Amino acid sequence: MHKLGVIFTLLGLALSVVGLIVGFWEMAHGAEESEMWLMLVPFGFVGLLLGVTLTQLSRKQ
């Protein structure tokens, strides 16, 4: 369960960072796809929350 938590944490972090960077880059250039990239950020936060929760739960056992 600890490995799964680490994977979700890294995946969530990657989604958040990529969504923010690419989303604001596309928004600055006036592209229509910027909303799609910025929508990745909440999914990244959910992945981060799930990953941290899983790693903390694995320590309790």
C-alpha atoms as a PDB file:
ATOM      1  CA  MET A   1       0.000   0.000   0.000  1.00  0.00           C
ATOM      2  CA  HIS A   2       2.967   2.278   0.609  1.00  0.00           C
ATOM      3  CA  LYS A   3       4.200   1.906  -2.988  1.00  0.00           C
ATOM      4  CA  LEU A   4       0.737   2.721  -4.322  1.00  0.00           C
ATOM      5  CA  GLY A   5       0.648   5.839  -2.148  1.00  0.00           C
ATOM      6  CA  VAL A   6       4.013   6.989  -3.460  1.00  0.00           C
ATOM      7  CA  ILE A   7       2.869   6.404  -7.046  1.00  0.00           C
ATOM      8  CA  PHE A   8      -0.339   8.409  -6.504  1.00  0.00           C
ATOM      9  CA  THR A   9       1.601  11.200  -4.799  1.00  0.00           C
ATOM     10  CA  LEU A  10       4.063  11.525  -7.659  1.00  0.00           C
ATOM     11  CA  LEU A  11       1.336  11.257 -10.276  1.00  0.00           C
ATOM     12  CA  GLY A  12      -0.746  13.915  -8.520  1.00  0.00           C
ATOM     13  CA  LEU A  13       2.233  16.214  -8.219  1.00  0.00           C
ATOM     14  CA  ALA A  14       3.046  15.765 -11.906  1.00  0.00           C
ATOM     15  CA  LEU A  15      -0.552  16.447 -12.960  1.00  0.00           C
ATOM     16  CA  SER A  16      -0.705  19.614 -10.873  1.00  0.00           C
ATOM     17  CA  VAL A  17       2.600  21.006 -12.073  1.00  0.00           C
ATOM     18  CA  VAL A  18       2.031  20.172 -15.750  1.00  0.00           C
ATOM     19  CA  GLY A  19      -1.532  21.492 -15.616  1.00  0.00           C
ATOM     20  CA  LEU A  20      -0.452  24.794 -14.120  1.00  0.00           C
ATOM     21  CA  ILE A  21       2.561  25.380 -16.327  1.00  0.00           C
ATOM     22  CA  VAL A  22       1.026  24.347 -19.645  1.00  0.00           C
ATOM     23  CA  GLY A  23      -2.372  25.840 -18.809  1.00  0.00           C
ATOM     24  CA  PHE A  24      -1.031  29.290 -18.048  1.00  0.00           C
ATOM     25  CA  TRP A  25       1.379  29.096 -20.994  1.00  0.00           C
ATOM     26  CA  GLU A  26      -1.508  28.325 -23.352  1.00  0.00           C
ATOM     27  CA  MET A  27      -3.647  31.027 -21.731  1.00  0.00           C
ATOM     28  CA  ALA A  28      -0.920  33.605 -22.280  1.00  0.00           C
ATOM     29  CA  HIS A  29      -0.859  32.720 -25.969  1.00  0.00           C
ATOM     30  CA  GLY A  30      -4.634  32.781 -26.315  1.00  0.00           C
ATOM     31  CA  ALA A  31      -5.161  29.094 -27.059  1.00  0.00           C
ATOM     32  CA  GLU A  32      -8.529  27.459 -26.478  1.00  0.00           C
ATOM     33  CA  GLU A  33      -6.987  24.340 -24.896  1.00  0.00           C
ATOM     34  CA  SER A  34      -5.851  26.197 -21.786  1.00  0.00           C
ATOM     35  CA  GLU A  35      -9.027  25.274 -19.902  1.00  0.00           C
ATOM     36  CA  MET A  36      -8.397  21.584 -20.520  1.00  0.00           C
ATOM     37  CA  TRP A  37      -4.884  21.810 -19.118  1.00  0.00           C
ATOM     38  CA  LEU A  38      -6.016  23.809 -16.081  1.00  0.00           C
ATOM     39  CA  MET A  39      -8.675  21.179 -15.364  1.00  0.00           C
ATOM     40  CA  LEU A  40      -5.862  18.727 -14.589  1.00  0.00           C
ATOM     41  CA  VAL A  41      -4.927  20.663 -11.454  1.00  0.00           C
ATOM     42  CA  PRO A  42      -7.874  19.511  -9.270  1.00  0.00           C
ATOM     43  CA  PHE A  43      -7.253  15.919 -10.351  1.00  0.00           C
ATOM     44  CA  GLY A  44      -3.648  16.377  -9.308  1.00  0.00           C
ATOM     45  CA  PHE A  45      -4.700  17.586  -5.870  1.00  0.00           C
ATOM     46  CA  VAL A  46      -6.986  14.580  -5.480  1.00  0.00           C
ATOM     47  CA  GLY A  47      -4.093  12.313  -6.428  1.00  0.00           C
ATOM     48  CA  LEU A  48      -1.841  14.050  -3.911  1.00  0.00           C
ATOM     49  CA  LEU A  49      -4.426  13.697  -1.160  1.00  0.00           C
ATOM     50  CA  LEU A  50      -5.017  10.042  -1.959  1.00  0.00           C
ATOM     51  CA  GLY A  51      -1.300   9.295  -2.125  1.00  0.00           C
ATOM     52  CA  VAL A  52      -0.478  10.976   1.166  1.00  0.00           C
ATOM     53  CA  THR A  53      -3.424   9.239   2.832  1.00  0.00           C
ATOM     54  CA  LEU A  54      -2.330   5.834   1.555  1.00  0.00           C
ATOM     55  CA  THR A  55       1.246   6.317   2.711  1.00  0.00           C
ATOM     56  CA  GLN A  56       0.101   7.429   6.162  1.00  0.00           C
ATOM     57  CA  LEU A  57      -2.284   4.506   6.472  1.00  0.00           C
ATOM     58  CA  SER A  58       0.489   2.063   5.571  1.00  0.00           C
ATOM     59  CA  ARG A  59       2.614   3.387   8.457  1.00  0.00           C
ATOM     60  CA  LYS A  60      -0.131   2.707  10.991  1.00  0.00           C
ATOM     61  CA  GLN A  61      -0.159  -1.023  10.327  1.00  0.00           C
END
